[in-house]
C-alpha atoms as a PDB file:
ATOM      1  CA  UNK A   1      15.361  -3.721  -1.627  1.00  0.00           C
ATOM      2  CA  UNK A   2      12.355  -3.840  -3.961  1.00  0.00           C
ATOM      3  CA  UNK A   3       8.979  -2.265  -3.173  1.00  0.00           C
ATOM      4  CA  UNK A   4       6.248  -3.169  -5.684  1.00  0.00           C
ATOM      5  CA  UNK A   5       3.151  -0.975  -5.930  1.00  0.00           C
ATOM      6  CA  UNK A   6       0.439  -3.117  -7.518  1.00  0.00           C
ATOM      7  CA  UNK A   7      -1.301  -1.008 -10.132  1.00  0.00           C
ATOM      8  CA  UNK A   8      -4.150  -2.299 -12.291  1.00  0.00           C
ATOM      9  CA  UNK A   9      -6.375  -0.882 -15.035  1.00  0.00           C
ATOM     10  CA  UNK A  10      -8.673   1.904 -13.772  1.00  0.00           C
ATOM     11  CA  UNK A  11      -6.284   2.492 -10.855  1.00  0.00           C
ATOM     12  CA  UNK A  12      -6.564   5.476  -8.542  1.00  0.00           C
ATOM     13  CA  UNK A  13      -3.627   7.785  -9.270  1.00  0.00           C
ATOM     14  CA  UNK A  14      -3.476   9.049  -5.687  1.00  0.00           C
ATOM     15  CA  UNK A  15      -2.837   5.556  -4.357  1.00  0.00           C
ATOM     16  CA  UNK A  16      -0.023   4.612  -6.699  1.00  0.00           C
ATOM     17  CA  UNK A  17       1.649   7.956  -7.348  1.00  0.00           C
ATOM     18  CA  UNK A  18       1.731   9.335  -3.799  1.00  0.00           C
ATOM     19  CA  UNK A  19       3.270   6.098  -2.547  1.00  0.00           C
ATOM     20  CA  UNK A  20       5.700   6.065  -5.488  1.00  0.00           C
ATOM     21  CA  UNK A  21       6.804   9.632  -4.848  1.00  0.00           C
ATOM     22  CA  UNK A  22       7.253   9.219  -1.111  1.00  0.00           C
ATOM     23  CA  UNK A  23       9.047   5.895  -1.318  1.00  0.00           C
ATOM     24  CA  UNK A  24      11.456   7.287  -3.884  1.00  0.00           C
ATOM     25  CA  UNK A  25      12.635   9.882  -1.342  1.00  0.00           C
ATOM     26  CA  UNK A  26      14.903   7.070  -0.144  1.00  0.00           C
ATOM     27  CA  UNK A  27      18.181   7.099  -2.056  1.00  0.00           C
ATOM     28  CA  UNK A  28      20.076   4.229  -0.448  1.00  0.00           C
ATOM     29  CA  UNK A  29      21.906   1.838  -2.818  1.00  0.00           C
ATOM     30  CA  UNK A  30      19.702  -1.003  -4.047  1.00  0.00           C
ATOM     31  CA  UNK A  31      16.446   0.744  -3.140  1.00  0.00           C
ATOM     32  CA  UNK A  32      13.962   0.166  -5.973  1.00  0.00           C
ATOM     33  CA  UNK A  33      10.304   1.192  -6.155  1.00  0.00           C
ATOM     34  CA  UNK A  34       8.181   0.063  -9.109  1.00  0.00           C
ATOM     35  CA  UNK A  35       4.673   0.301 -10.456  1.00  0.00           C
ATOM     36  CA  UNK A  36       3.876  -3.395 -10.730  1.00  0.00           C
ATOM     37  CA  UNK A  37       1.239  -4.261 -13.331  1.00  0.00           C
ATOM     38  CA  UNK A  38      -0.341  -7.352 -14.919  1.00  0.00           C
ATOM     39  CA  UNK A  39       0.178  -5.960 -18.447  1.00  0.00           C
ATOM     40  CA  UNK A  40       2.740  -3.763 -20.213  1.00  0.00           C
ATOM     41  CA  UNK A  41       0.564  -0.680 -19.715  1.00  0.00           C
ATOM     42  CA  UNK A  42      -2.394   0.207 -17.523  1.00  0.00           C
ATOM     43  CA  UNK A  43      -4.709   3.208 -17.674  1.00  0.00           C
ATOM     44  CA  UNK A  44      -5.944   5.038 -14.593  1.00  0.00           C
ATOM     45  CA  UNK A  45      -9.526   5.882 -13.705  1.00  0.00           C
ATOM     46  CA  UNK A  46      -8.872   9.359 -15.117  1.00  0.00           C
ATOM     47  CA  UNK A  47      -7.233   8.251 -18.356  1.00  0.00           C
ATOM     48  CA  UNK A  48      -3.526   8.374 -17.464  1.00  0.00           C
ATOM     49  CA  UNK A  49      -1.627   5.502 -19.093  1.00  0.00           C
ATOM     50  CA  UNK A  50       1.563   4.258 -17.458  1.00  0.00           C
ATOM     51  CA  UNK A  51       4.117   1.615 -18.365  1.00  0.00           C
ATOM     52  CA  UNK A  52       4.694  -1.275 -15.995  1.00  0.00           C
ATOM     53  CA  UNK A  53       8.049  -1.223 -14.251  1.00  0.00           C
ATOM     54  CA  UNK A  54       7.749  -4.755 -12.884  1.00  0.00           C
ATOM     55  CA  UNK A  55       5.506  -7.806 -13.240  1.00  0.00           C
ATOM     56  CA  UNK A  56       3.180  -9.572 -10.830  1.00  0.00           C
ATOM     57  CA  UNK A  57       5.657 -12.445 -10.714  1.00  0.00           C
ATOM     58  CA  UNK A  58       8.322 -10.036  -9.483  1.00  0.00           C
ATOM     59  CA  UNK A  59       6.008  -8.831  -6.727  1.00  0.00           C
ATOM     60  CA  UNK A  60       6.067 -12.288  -5.214  1.00  0.00           C
ATOM     61  CA  UNK A  61       9.779 -11.825  -4.548  1.00  0.00           C
ATOM     62  CA  UNK A  62       9.651  -8.167  -3.484  1.00  0.00           C
ATOM     63  CA  UNK A  63      10.565  -7.016   0.009  1.00  0.00           C
ATOM     64  CA  UNK A  64       7.340  -5.009   0.253  1.00  0.00           C
ATOM     65  CA  UNK A  65       4.129  -5.043  -1.787  1.00  0.00           C
ATOM     66  CA  UNK A  66       1.472  -2.331  -1.724  1.00  0.00           C
ATOM     67  CA  UNK A  67      -2.002  -2.768  -3.222  1.00  0.00           C
ATOM     68  CA  UNK A  68      -3.599   0.394  -4.554  1.00  0.00           C
ATOM     69  CA  UNK A  69      -7.260   0.697  -5.409  1.00  0.00           C
ATOM     70  CA  UNK A  70      -9.271   1.436  -8.514  1.00  0.00           C
ATOM     71  CA  UNK A  71     -12.586   1.254 -10.306  1.00  0.00           C
ATOM     72  CA  UNK A  72     -12.125  -2.409 -11.322  1.00  0.00           C
ATOM     73  CA  UNK A  73     -10.658  -3.767  -8.110  1.00  0.00           C
ATOM     74  CA  UNK A  74     -13.673  -5.879  -7.182  1.00  0.00           C
ATOM     75  CA  UNK A  75     -13.519  -7.678 -10.547  1.00  0.00           C
ATOM     76  CA  UNK A  76      -9.758  -8.110 -10.321  1.00  0.00           C
ATOM     77  CA  UNK A  77      -9.986  -9.428  -6.763  1.00  0.00           C
ATOM     78  CA  UNK A  78     -12.293 -12.169  -8.056  1.00  0.00           C
ATOM     79  CA  UNK A  79     -10.175 -13.003 -11.121  1.00  0.00           C
ATOM     80  CA  UNK A  80      -8.183 -16.184 -10.384  1.00  0.00           C
ATOM     81  CA  UNK A  81      -6.032 -15.599 -13.464  1.00  0.00           C
ATOM     82  CA  UNK A  82      -4.657 -12.393 -11.970  1.00  0.00           C
ATOM     83  CA  UNK A  83      -4.767 -13.205  -8.279  1.00  0.00           C
ATOM     84  CA  UNK A  84      -3.214 -16.607  -8.860  1.00  0.00           C
ATOM     85  CA  UNK A  85      -0.004 -14.897  -9.988  1.00  0.00           C
ATOM     86  CA  UNK A  86       0.450 -13.322  -6.562  1.00  0.00           C
ATOM     87  CA  UNK A  87       2.247 -15.590  -4.137  1.00  0.00           C
ATOM     88  CA  UNK A  88       2.804 -13.283  -1.207  1.00  0.00           C
ATOM     89  CA  UNK A  89       4.141 -14.277   2.183  1.00  0.00           C
ATOM     90  CA  UNK A  90       3.916 -11.843   5.127  1.00  0.00           C
ATOM     91  CA  UNK A  91       6.485 -13.890   7.020  1.00  0.00           C
ATOM     92  CA  UNK A  92       9.133 -12.561   4.626  1.00  0.00           C
ATOM     93  CA  UNK A  93       7.451  -9.505   3.049  1.00  0.00           C
ATOM     94  CA  UNK A  94       5.730  -6.337   4.135  1.00  0.00           C
ATOM     95  CA  UNK A  95       2.267  -6.307   2.581  1.00  0.00           C
ATOM     96  CA  UNK A  96       0.008  -3.259   2.579  1.00  0.00           C
ATOM     97  CA  UNK A  97      -3.220  -2.200   0.920  1.00  0.00           C
ATOM     98  CA  UNK A  98      -5.545   0.745   0.865  1.00  0.00           C
ATOM     99  CA  UNK A  99      -9.193   1.228   0.039  1.00  0.00           C
ATOM    100  CA  UNK A 100     -10.389  -1.464  -2.382  1.00  0.00           C
ATOM    101  CA  UNK A 101      -6.919  -3.000  -2.374  1.00  0.00           C
ATOM    102  CA  UNK A 102      -7.899  -4.330   1.056  1.00  0.00           C
ATOM    103  CA  UNK A 103     -10.436  -6.574  -0.686  1.00  0.00           C
ATOM    104  CA  UNK A 104      -7.573  -8.159  -2.616  1.00  0.00           C
ATOM    105  CA  UNK A 105      -5.760  -8.933   0.640  1.00  0.00           C
ATOM    106  CA  UNK A 106      -8.923 -10.479   2.025  1.00  0.00           C
ATOM    107  CA  UNK A 107      -9.451 -12.623  -1.068  1.00  0.00           C
ATOM    108  CA  UNK A 108      -5.825 -13.781  -0.931  1.00  0.00           C
ATOM    109  CA  UNK A 109      -6.393 -14.939   2.654  1.00  0.00           C
ATOM    110  CA  UNK A 110      -3.812 -12.518   4.041  1.00  0.00           C
ATOM    111  CA  UNK A 111      -6.068 -10.869   6.609  1.00  0.00           C
ATOM    112  CA  UNK A 112      -7.651 -13.881   8.308  1.00  0.00           C
ATOM    113  CA  UNK A 113      -8.671 -12.627  11.774  1.00  0.00           C
ATOM    114  CA  UNK A 114      -6.839  -9.313  11.357  1.00  0.00           C
ATOM    115  CA  UNK A 115      -9.098  -6.215  11.300  1.00  0.00           C
ATOM    116  CA  UNK A 116      -8.539  -3.813   8.424  1.00  0.00           C
ATOM    117  CA  UNK A 117      -9.032  -0.305   7.086  1.00  0.00           C
ATOM    118  CA  UNK A 118     -10.674   0.521   3.777  1.00  0.00           C
ATOM    119  CA  UNK A 119     -12.791   3.206   2.108  1.00  0.00           C
ATOM    120  CA  UNK A 120     -16.530   3.600   2.638  1.00  0.00           C
ATOM    121  CA  UNK A 121     -17.456   2.148  -0.781  1.00  0.00           C
ATOM    122  CA  UNK A 122     -15.408  -0.998  -0.281  1.00  0.00           C
ATOM    123  CA  UNK A 123     -16.360  -1.484   3.366  1.00  0.00           C
ATOM    124  CA  UNK A 124     -19.372  -3.777   2.771  1.00  0.00           C
ATOM    125  CA  UNK A 125     -17.406  -5.971   0.330  1.00  0.00           C
ATOM    126  CA  UNK A 126     -14.570  -6.411   2.823  1.00  0.00           C
ATOM    127  CA  UNK A 127     -17.083  -7.196   5.548  1.00  0.00           C
ATOM    128  CA  UNK A 128     -18.717  -9.786   3.272  1.00  0.00           C
ATOM    129  CA  UNK A 129     -15.284 -11.402   3.031  1.00  0.00           C
ATOM    130  CA  UNK A 130     -15.409 -11.863   6.812  1.00  0.00           C
ATOM    131  CA  UNK A 131     -13.046  -9.053   7.787  1.00  0.00           C
ATOM    132  CA  UNK A 132     -13.776  -6.584  10.595  1.00  0.00           C
ATOM    133  CA  UNK A 133     -13.420  -3.034   9.235  1.00  0.00           C
ATOM    134  CA  UNK A 134     -12.013  -0.311  11.476  1.00  0.00           C
ATOM    135  CA  UNK A 135     -13.058   3.345  11.402  1.00  0.00           C
ATOM    136  CA  UNK A 136      -9.514   4.713  11.214  1.00  0.00           C
ATOM    137  CA  UNK A 137      -6.998   5.621   8.490  1.00  0.00           C
ATOM    138  CA  UNK A 138      -4.288   3.037   9.196  1.00  0.00           C
ATOM    139  CA  UNK A 139      -3.796  -0.262  10.977  1.00  0.00           C
ATOM    140  CA  UNK A 140      -1.045  -2.847  10.937  1.00  0.00           C
ATOM    141  CA  UNK A 141      -0.589  -6.263  12.462  1.00  0.00           C
ATOM    142  CA  UNK A 142       2.968  -7.493  12.109  1.00  0.00           C
ATOM    143  CA  UNK A 143       3.937  -7.303   8.438  1.00  0.00           C
ATOM    144  CA  UNK A 144       0.415  -6.626   7.126  1.00  0.00           C
ATOM    145  CA  UNK A 145      -0.994  -3.097   6.965  1.00  0.00           C
ATOM    146  CA  UNK A 146      -4.154  -1.519   5.574  1.00  0.00           C
ATOM    147  CA  UNK A 147      -5.267   2.070   5.095  1.00  0.00           C
ATOM    148  CA  UNK A 148      -8.550   3.779   4.263  1.00  0.00           C
ATOM    149  CA  UNK A 149      -8.988   6.854   2.077  1.00  0.00           C
ATOM    150  CA  UNK A 150      -7.010   7.988  -0.967  1.00  0.00           C
ATOM    151  CA  UNK A 151      -4.655  10.240   0.950  1.00  0.00           C
ATOM    152  CA  UNK A 152      -3.858   7.479   3.434  1.00  0.00           C
ATOM    153  CA  UNK A 153      -1.328   6.230   0.869  1.00  0.00           C
ATOM    154  CA  UNK A 154       1.154   8.470   2.688  1.00  0.00           C
ATOM    155  CA  UNK A 155       0.729   6.353   5.815  1.00  0.00           C
ATOM    156  CA  UNK A 156       1.416   3.116   3.971  1.00  0.00           C
ATOM    157  CA  UNK A 157       4.533   4.608   2.360  1.00  0.00           C
ATOM    158  CA  UNK A 158       5.841   6.036   5.631  1.00  0.00           C
ATOM    159  CA  UNK A 159       5.175   2.694   7.378  1.00  0.00           C
ATOM    160  CA  UNK A 160       7.206   0.857   4.730  1.00  0.00           C
ATOM    161  CA  UNK A 161      10.077   3.329   5.056  1.00  0.00           C
ATOM    162  CA  UNK A 162      10.035   3.100   8.844  1.00  0.00           C
ATOM    163  CA  UNK A 163      10.071  -0.702   8.721  1.00  0.00           C
ATOM    164  CA  UNK A 164      12.760  -1.068   6.053  1.00  0.00           C
ATOM    165  CA  UNK A 165      15.002   1.935   6.693  1.00  0.00           C
ATOM    166  CA  UNK A 166      14.043   3.463  10.028  1.00  0.00           C
ATOM    167  CA  UNK A 167      11.858   6.078  11.683  1.00  0.00           C
ATOM    168  CA  UNK A 168      14.270   8.939  10.981  1.00  0.00           C
ATOM    169  CA  UNK A 169      14.088   8.206   7.250  1.00  0.00           C
ATOM    170  CA  UNK A 170      10.283   8.055   7.418  1.00  0.00           C
ATOM    171  CA  UNK A 171      10.181  11.382   9.221  1.00  0.00           C
ATOM    172  CA  UNK A 172      12.479  12.980   6.609  1.00  0.00           C
ATOM    173  CA  UNK A 173      10.403  11.646   3.705  1.00  0.00           C
ATOM    174  CA  UNK A 174       7.081  13.022   4.927  1.00  0.00           C
ATOM    175  CA  UNK A 175       8.709  16.281   6.022  1.00  0.00           C
ATOM    176  CA  UNK A 176      10.045  16.831   2.502  1.00  0.00           C
ATOM    177  CA  UNK A 177       6.626  16.601   0.842  1.00  0.00           C
ATOM    178  CA  UNK A 178       4.523  18.278   3.556  1.00  0.00           C
ATOM    179  CA  UNK A 179       3.102  21.750   2.808  1.00  0.00           C
ATOM    180  CA  UNK A 180       5.214  24.712   3.864  1.00  0.00           C
ATOM    181  CA  UNK A 181       3.956  26.137   7.131  1.00  0.00           C
ATOM    182  CA  UNK A 182       2.321  22.821   8.060  1.00  0.00           C
ATOM    183  CA  UNK A 183       5.303  20.480   8.058  1.00  0.00           C
ATOM    184  CA  UNK A 184       5.361  19.790  11.779  1.00  0.00           C
ATOM    185  CA  UNK A 185       1.635  19.035  11.808  1.00  0.00           C
ATOM    186  CA  UNK A 186       1.887  16.679   8.820  1.00  0.00           C
ATOM    187  CA  UNK A 187       4.927  14.854  10.158  1.00  0.00           C
ATOM    188  CA  UNK A 188       3.455  14.354  13.614  1.00  0.00           C
ATOM    189  CA  UNK A 189       0.129  13.142  12.210  1.00  0.00           C
ATOM    190  CA  UNK A 190       1.835  10.611   9.941  1.00  0.00           C
ATOM    191  CA  UNK A 191       4.081   9.278  12.679  1.00  0.00           C
ATOM    192  CA  UNK A 192       1.228   9.175  15.193  1.00  0.00           C
ATOM    193  CA  UNK A 193      -0.697   6.914  12.805  1.00  0.00           C
ATOM    194  CA  UNK A 194       2.120   4.431  12.199  1.00  0.00           C
ATOM    195  CA  UNK A 195       4.262   4.294  15.342  1.00  0.00           C
ATOM    196  CA  UNK A 196       1.766   2.289  17.435  1.00  0.00           C
ATOM    197  CA  UNK A 197       2.170  -0.502  14.884  1.00  0.00           C
ATOM    198  CA  UNK A 198       5.953  -0.551  14.593  1.00  0.00           C
ATOM    199  CA  UNK A 199       7.912  -3.369  16.255  1.00  0.00           C
ATOM    200  CA  UNK A 200       9.169  -2.502  19.699  1.00  0.00           C
ATOM    201  CA  UNK A 201      12.817  -1.529  19.863  1.00  0.00           C
ATOM    202  CA  UNK A 202      14.580  -3.123  22.827  1.00  0.00           C
END
């Protein structure tokens, strides 16, 4: 099971690293979470350089793909050389994005008539792409999810865990990282945001 976190130059560390940390709470055999980059290294908006753990081509075959945001996302979203490498298919993959990453989903045609969440800066760009923007931190329609705000990366990660492993695993992952003395509040908030969008269990 491969989860690729798309991470580009000038990326927001909160988007990529919070998701990476939470998703790696899962220790089942074959579970693999990678920072997926277009080049061998990328540097964050605050000057942190990381090495790619997987390529954009590998993302096309991943079980789940998460788009983070960053200072250059609008340029990247309009770069056919980069975006053309992403051949994503929500019929066989979970696809999620937060903040300006939502613009990438829109430009890839993966939102269509689906409303989405994003940050306040990106909101007008996503609306220009013809997508209705919601005033909430998380929304999912089937296998496509979006989130708004840097710290909403926890909701995307917990959604992926719930979908691929189960709700108990998602609960355990967020409980582990939640602040002491506030664990119940954090867990319940996270689950309240994602459970309305999980498939019904018959």
